[in-house]
């Protein structure tokens, strides 16, 4: 049997060992490079995923939830289909600021939370009253308008002439489902009967038909209705009933996007676009500074 004896001074052994060492070092460097490469890919995917959830950054569209029955705010004319109101004007201004294509999405106060959280729209812009219940589910910008509660009665009737006539036995008060009036009335008016209806149009029909004595609403809706409908009589409260601040609503999981919407509100307050839009729709009296 032949025995090969290797020594540290053997040149062949040294060359072989050095070669293996160089290969090992190259392998380590390649492994490190691969790890860095995959980490970069994962980071890019994470940023892209974030951007997909930040509509103001990555999306070509700006999807805005509106309530198309809301006079003065986001109203769709039933005959022409044309949209008008302060938030229609401001949504168009916001889309222009972002360089996005504006897409309106029909919503309502009863569907507000589900539509925003369910990603049907990027922002709700229809005079959303900030309440504790809504603030627990949505993120809000700073307020831009504020309104008290008002009532509308039939001008030809004689039973309801002032605010104190409303909360009386046998009086029927109509409210729209999902609005803050639905929650407010049972807390404050103990004697009148409340009827909850799905739409403002149904609410108006209840009063016009005599099935309800009044319906509750806010300043934007009431002020526009009394100008446009001869049958409508405004019943204003003698003192502040519940001043509610209106803001725009987004998903709480998108803080960067909420901050961008809030910056838009700051911009329109500073540069006069909010006042111009409010004046155009008769709402300058309820602007929030």
Protein backbone atom coordinates (compact mmCIF):
# COMPACT_ATOMS: atom_id res chain seq x y z
CA UNK A 1 0.00 0.00 0.00
CA UNK A 2 1.31 3.39 -0.95
CA UNK A 3 1.02 6.12 1.66
CA UNK A 4 1.13 9.75 0.56
CA UNK A 5 2.43 12.02 3.23
CA UNK A 6 1.31 15.66 3.09
CA UNK A 7 3.09 18.42 4.82
CA UNK A 8 2.29 22.09 5.33
CA UNK A 9 5.17 22.89 3.13
CA UNK A 10 3.87 20.86 0.18
CA UNK A 11 3.17 23.39 -2.67
CA UNK A 12 0.40 21.25 -4.16
CA UNK A 13 -1.39 21.08 -0.85
CA UNK A 14 -1.08 24.83 -0.31
CA UNK A 15 -2.41 25.61 -3.76
CA UNK A 16 -5.37 23.26 -3.27
CA UNK A 17 -6.18 24.73 0.14
CA UNK A 18 -5.96 28.30 -1.14
CA UNK A 19 -8.19 27.43 -4.07
CA UNK A 20 -10.83 25.94 -1.78
CA UNK A 21 -10.61 28.97 0.49
CA UNK A 22 -11.15 31.34 -2.43
CA UNK A 23 -14.16 29.35 -3.63
CA UNK A 24 -15.63 29.38 -0.12
CA UNK A 25 -15.16 33.15 0.18
CA UNK A 26 -16.73 33.70 -3.22
CA UNK A 27 -19.66 31.50 -2.20
CA UNK A 28 -20.15 33.54 0.94
CA UNK A 29 -20.07 36.77 -1.05
CA UNK A 30 -22.52 35.40 -3.60
CA UNK A 31 -24.82 34.22 -0.81
CA UNK A 32 -24.71 37.64 0.80
CA UNK A 33 -25.45 39.28 -2.55
CA UNK A 34 -28.41 36.99 -3.10
CA UNK A 35 -29.76 37.80 0.36
CA UNK A 36 -29.45 41.52 -0.34
CA UNK A 37 -31.11 41.06 -3.73
CA UNK A 38 -34.10 39.21 -2.31
CA UNK A 39 -34.36 41.70 0.55
CA UNK A 40 -34.50 44.54 -1.98
CA UNK A 41 -37.19 42.73 -3.97
CA UNK A 42 -39.26 42.18 -0.82
CA UNK A 43 -38.82 45.82 0.16
CA UNK A 44 -39.96 46.99 -3.28
CA UNK A 45 -42.99 44.71 -3.10
CA UNK A 46 -43.79 46.08 0.36
CA UNK A 47 -43.59 49.68 -0.89
CA UNK A 48 -45.69 48.82 -3.93
CA UNK A 49 -48.26 47.13 -1.70
CA UNK A 50 -48.32 50.21 0.52
CA UNK A 51 -48.70 52.47 -2.50
CA UNK A 52 -51.60 50.40 -3.77
CA UNK A 53 -53.33 51.15 -0.48
CA UNK A 54 -52.42 54.83 -0.67
CA UNK A 55 -54.79 56.07 -3.40
CA UNK A 56 -53.28 59.54 -3.48
CA UNK A 57 -49.91 58.05 -4.46
CA UNK A 58 -50.39 55.14 -6.82
CA UNK A 59 -53.93 55.19 -8.21
CA UNK A 60 -54.79 57.06 -11.40
CA UNK A 61 -58.33 57.62 -10.08
CA UNK A 62 -59.73 59.54 -7.15
CA UNK A 63 -62.86 57.70 -6.01
CA UNK A 64 -65.12 59.97 -3.97
CA UNK A 65 -68.17 58.74 -2.06
CA UNK A 66 -71.13 61.13 -2.22
CA UNK A 67 -74.75 61.08 -1.09
CA UNK A 68 -76.60 62.17 -4.24
CA UNK A 69 -79.74 63.15 -2.27
CA UNK A 70 -77.95 65.82 -0.22
CA UNK A 71 -79.11 69.27 -1.34
CA UNK A 72 -76.40 71.91 -1.21
CA UNK A 73 -73.69 69.31 -0.61
CA UNK A 74 -73.75 66.59 -3.29
CA UNK A 75 -77.13 66.60 -5.02
CA UNK A 76 -78.01 64.84 -8.27
CA UNK A 77 -80.85 66.50 -10.18
CA UNK A 78 -83.41 63.73 -10.81
CA UNK A 79 -84.32 65.15 -14.23
CA UNK A 80 -80.94 66.08 -15.70
CA UNK A 81 -78.70 63.78 -13.66
CA UNK A 82 -76.34 66.71 -13.09
CA UNK A 83 -74.45 66.84 -9.81
CA UNK A 84 -74.16 70.06 -7.81
CA UNK A 85 -73.16 71.19 -4.34
CA UNK A 86 -70.18 72.40 -2.39
CA UNK A 87 -68.57 68.97 -2.14
CA UNK A 88 -69.01 68.29 -5.84
CA UNK A 89 -67.02 71.47 -6.53
CA UNK A 90 -64.39 70.65 -3.90
CA UNK A 91 -64.00 67.03 -5.03
CA UNK A 92 -63.25 68.31 -8.52
CA UNK A 93 -60.71 70.74 -7.07
CA UNK A 94 -59.05 67.94 -5.08
CA UNK A 95 -58.81 65.66 -8.12
CA UNK A 96 -57.24 68.52 -10.08
CA UNK A 97 -54.69 69.12 -7.29
CA UNK A 98 -53.72 65.43 -7.36
CA UNK A 99 -53.75 65.14 -11.15
CA UNK A 100 -56.26 62.28 -10.88
CA UNK A 101 -59.36 61.27 -12.82
CA UNK A 102 -62.38 61.89 -10.58
CA UNK A 103 -64.92 59.11 -10.08
CA UNK A 104 -68.03 59.68 -7.96
CA UNK A 105 -69.41 56.70 -6.02
CA UNK A 106 -72.99 56.83 -4.73
CA UNK A 107 -73.23 56.25 -0.99
CA UNK A 108 -75.35 57.37 1.96
CA UNK A 109 -75.02 57.86 5.69
CA UNK A 110 -76.44 54.40 6.37
CA UNK A 111 -73.73 52.86 4.11
CA UNK A 112 -70.93 55.32 4.92
CA UNK A 113 -68.75 53.15 7.17
CA UNK A 114 -69.14 50.02 5.03
CA UNK A 115 -68.36 51.90 1.81
CA UNK A 116 -65.23 53.60 3.15
CA UNK A 117 -63.87 50.60 5.06
CA UNK A 118 -64.76 48.29 2.18
CA UNK A 119 -62.62 50.36 -0.22
CA UNK A 120 -65.52 51.37 -2.47
CA UNK A 121 -64.08 54.88 -2.39
CA UNK A 122 -60.90 56.64 -1.33
CA UNK A 123 -62.61 59.43 0.59
CA UNK A 124 -66.16 60.35 1.59
CA UNK A 125 -66.88 63.96 0.66
CA UNK A 126 -70.50 64.70 1.49
CA UNK A 127 -70.67 66.78 4.64
CA UNK A 128 -69.97 63.88 6.99
CA UNK A 129 -70.88 64.89 10.53
CA UNK A 130 -68.16 63.92 13.00
CA UNK A 131 -69.73 61.82 15.76
CA UNK A 132 -68.20 59.50 18.36
CA UNK A 133 -69.67 56.46 16.65
CA UNK A 134 -68.26 57.39 13.25
CA UNK A 135 -64.90 58.45 14.67
CA UNK A 136 -64.52 54.95 16.14
CA UNK A 137 -64.66 53.47 12.63
CA UNK A 138 -63.31 56.20 10.33
CA UNK A 139 -60.49 58.72 10.16
CA UNK A 140 -61.51 62.37 9.76
CA UNK A 141 -59.89 65.52 8.47
CA UNK A 142 -60.21 68.85 10.21
CA UNK A 143 -63.77 70.25 9.90
CA UNK A 144 -64.71 72.61 7.09
CA UNK A 145 -68.42 73.25 7.84
CA UNK A 146 -70.67 73.05 10.91
CA UNK A 147 -74.45 72.93 11.19
CA UNK A 148 -77.19 72.81 13.78
CA UNK A 149 -80.43 70.83 13.40
CA UNK A 150 -83.43 72.33 11.57
CA UNK A 151 -86.95 71.17 10.75
CA UNK A 152 -89.07 71.45 7.62
CA UNK A 153 -92.87 71.60 7.82
CA UNK A 154 -95.67 72.00 5.30
CA UNK A 155 -96.27 75.71 4.75
CA UNK A 156 -100.05 75.25 4.49
CA UNK A 157 -100.44 73.53 7.88
CA UNK A 158 -101.11 75.46 11.11
CA UNK A 159 -100.17 73.00 13.85
CA UNK A 160 -96.38 73.37 13.77
CA UNK A 161 -95.31 77.03 13.67
CA UNK A 162 -92.23 77.08 15.89
CA UNK A 163 -89.69 74.70 17.38
CA UNK A 164 -91.57 74.15 20.65
CA UNK A 165 -94.58 72.83 18.71
CA UNK A 166 -92.60 69.83 17.46
CA UNK A 167 -92.10 67.78 20.61
CA UNK A 168 -95.78 67.30 21.39
CA UNK A 169 -98.03 64.24 21.71
CA UNK A 170 -99.44 63.11 18.36
CA UNK A 171 -96.68 64.93 16.44
CA UNK A 172 -94.84 62.78 13.91
CA UNK A 173 -91.23 63.58 13.03
CA UNK A 174 -89.52 62.01 10.01
CA UNK A 175 -85.75 61.40 9.87
CA UNK A 176 -83.47 59.83 7.26
CA UNK A 177 -81.88 56.50 8.13
CA UNK A 178 -78.23 56.68 9.18
CA UNK A 179 -78.20 60.45 9.74
CA UNK A 180 -77.24 61.96 13.08
CA UNK A 181 -80.90 63.06 13.48
CA UNK A 182 -81.94 59.43 13.87
CA UNK A 183 -79.78 59.13 16.98
CA UNK A 184 -80.43 62.67 18.25
CA UNK A 185 -84.23 62.81 18.26
CA UNK A 186 -85.00 60.01 20.78
CA UNK A 187 -82.53 61.57 23.23
CA UNK A 188 -84.03 65.06 23.06
CA UNK A 189 -87.66 64.79 21.94
CA UNK A 190 -89.54 62.54 24.33
CA UNK A 191 -93.17 63.05 23.31
CA UNK A 192 -93.20 63.18 19.51
CA UNK A 193 -93.21 59.99 17.45
CA UNK A 194 -90.24 59.32 15.16
CA UNK A 195 -90.50 57.60 11.77
CA UNK A 196 -87.28 56.52 10.03
CA UNK A 197 -87.16 56.60 6.22
CA UNK A 198 -84.55 55.43 3.76
CA UNK A 199 -84.19 58.55 1.63
CA UNK A 200 -84.67 62.32 1.88
CA UNK A 201 -87.24 62.08 -0.91
CA UNK A 202 -89.33 59.67 1.18
CA UNK A 203 -88.90 62.01 4.15
CA UNK A 204 -90.26 64.92 2.10
CA UNK A 205 -93.19 62.86 0.84
CA UNK A 206 -94.18 61.99 4.41
CA UNK A 207 -94.49 65.70 5.23
CA UNK A 208 -96.18 66.65 1.96
CA UNK A 209 -98.74 63.87 2.36
CA UNK A 210 -99.50 64.86 5.97
CA UNK A 211 -98.34 61.52 7.40
CA UNK A 212 -95.54 63.40 9.20
CA UNK A 213 -95.67 66.91 10.64
CA UNK A 214 -91.98 67.77 10.10
CA UNK A 215 -88.72 66.21 9.10
CA UNK A 216 -85.34 66.95 10.66
CA UNK A 217 -82.40 68.05 8.56
CA UNK A 218 -79.45 70.45 8.57
CA UNK A 219 -78.67 73.94 7.29
CA UNK A 220 -77.43 73.01 3.79
CA UNK A 221 -80.42 70.80 2.97
CA UNK A 222 -83.01 73.08 4.61
CA UNK A 223 -81.75 76.33 3.10
CA UNK A 224 -81.76 74.87 -0.41
CA UNK A 225 -85.13 73.18 -0.08
CA UNK A 226 -87.00 76.30 1.10
CA UNK A 227 -85.58 78.24 -1.85
CA UNK A 228 -86.66 75.58 -4.34
CA UNK A 229 -89.93 74.19 -2.92
CA UNK A 230 -92.88 76.51 -2.25
CA UNK A 231 -94.51 74.01 0.07
CA UNK A 232 -91.58 73.94 2.50
CA UNK A 233 -91.46 76.04 5.68
CA UNK A 234 -88.24 76.30 7.70
CA UNK A 235 -88.52 75.79 11.47
CA UNK A 236 -85.31 77.02 13.13
CA UNK A 237 -84.42 76.22 16.76
CA UNK A 238 -84.43 79.16 19.20
CA UNK A 239 -81.02 78.12 20.50
CA UNK A 240 -78.27 75.71 19.51
CA UNK A 241 -79.60 72.15 19.61
CA UNK A 242 -76.57 70.18 18.43
CA UNK A 243 -73.84 71.88 16.45
CA UNK A 244 -72.12 69.20 14.37
CA UNK A 245 -68.85 69.71 12.52
CA UNK A 246 -68.54 68.29 9.03
CA UNK A 247 -65.33 66.76 7.68
CA UNK A 248 -64.06 64.30 5.08
CA UNK A 249 -63.73 60.63 6.03
CA UNK A 250 -61.09 58.04 5.08
CA UNK A 251 -59.93 54.59 6.20
CA UNK A 252 -58.04 54.68 9.53
CA UNK A 253 -55.43 52.28 8.11
CA UNK A 254 -54.19 54.96 5.70
CA UNK A 255 -52.65 57.73 7.83
CA UNK A 256 -50.55 59.16 4.97
CA UNK A 257 -53.63 59.44 2.79
CA UNK A 258 -55.70 61.01 5.57
CA UNK A 259 -52.94 63.56 6.10
CA UNK A 260 -53.01 64.39 2.38
CA UNK A 261 -56.78 64.93 2.42
CA UNK A 262 -56.42 67.06 5.54
CA UNK A 263 -53.76 69.14 3.78
CA UNK A 264 -56.26 69.78 0.99
CA UNK A 265 -58.73 71.16 3.54
CA UNK A 266 -56.01 73.44 4.92
CA UNK A 267 -55.18 74.57 1.38
CA UNK A 268 -58.75 75.50 0.43
CA UNK A 269 -59.22 77.40 3.67
CA UNK A 270 -56.03 79.36 3.09
CA UNK A 271 -56.38 80.09 -0.62
CA UNK A 272 -60.08 80.99 -0.60
CA UNK A 273 -61.46 78.04 -2.55
CA UNK A 274 -63.59 76.87 0.40
CA UNK A 275 -65.19 80.30 0.83
CA UNK A 276 -65.78 80.62 -2.91
CA UNK A 277 -67.50 77.21 -3.09
CA UNK A 278 -69.52 77.90 0.07
CA UNK A 279 -70.65 81.28 -1.26
CA UNK A 280 -71.66 79.74 -4.58
CA UNK A 281 -74.01 77.37 -2.73
CA UNK A 282 -75.26 79.73 0.00
CA UNK A 283 -73.27 78.09 2.78
CA UNK A 284 -70.79 80.80 3.76
CA UNK A 285 -72.56 81.21 7.14
CA UNK A 286 -71.44 77.74 8.28
CA UNK A 287 -67.77 77.70 7.21
CA UNK A 288 -65.37 76.45 9.86
CA UNK A 289 -62.12 78.42 10.24
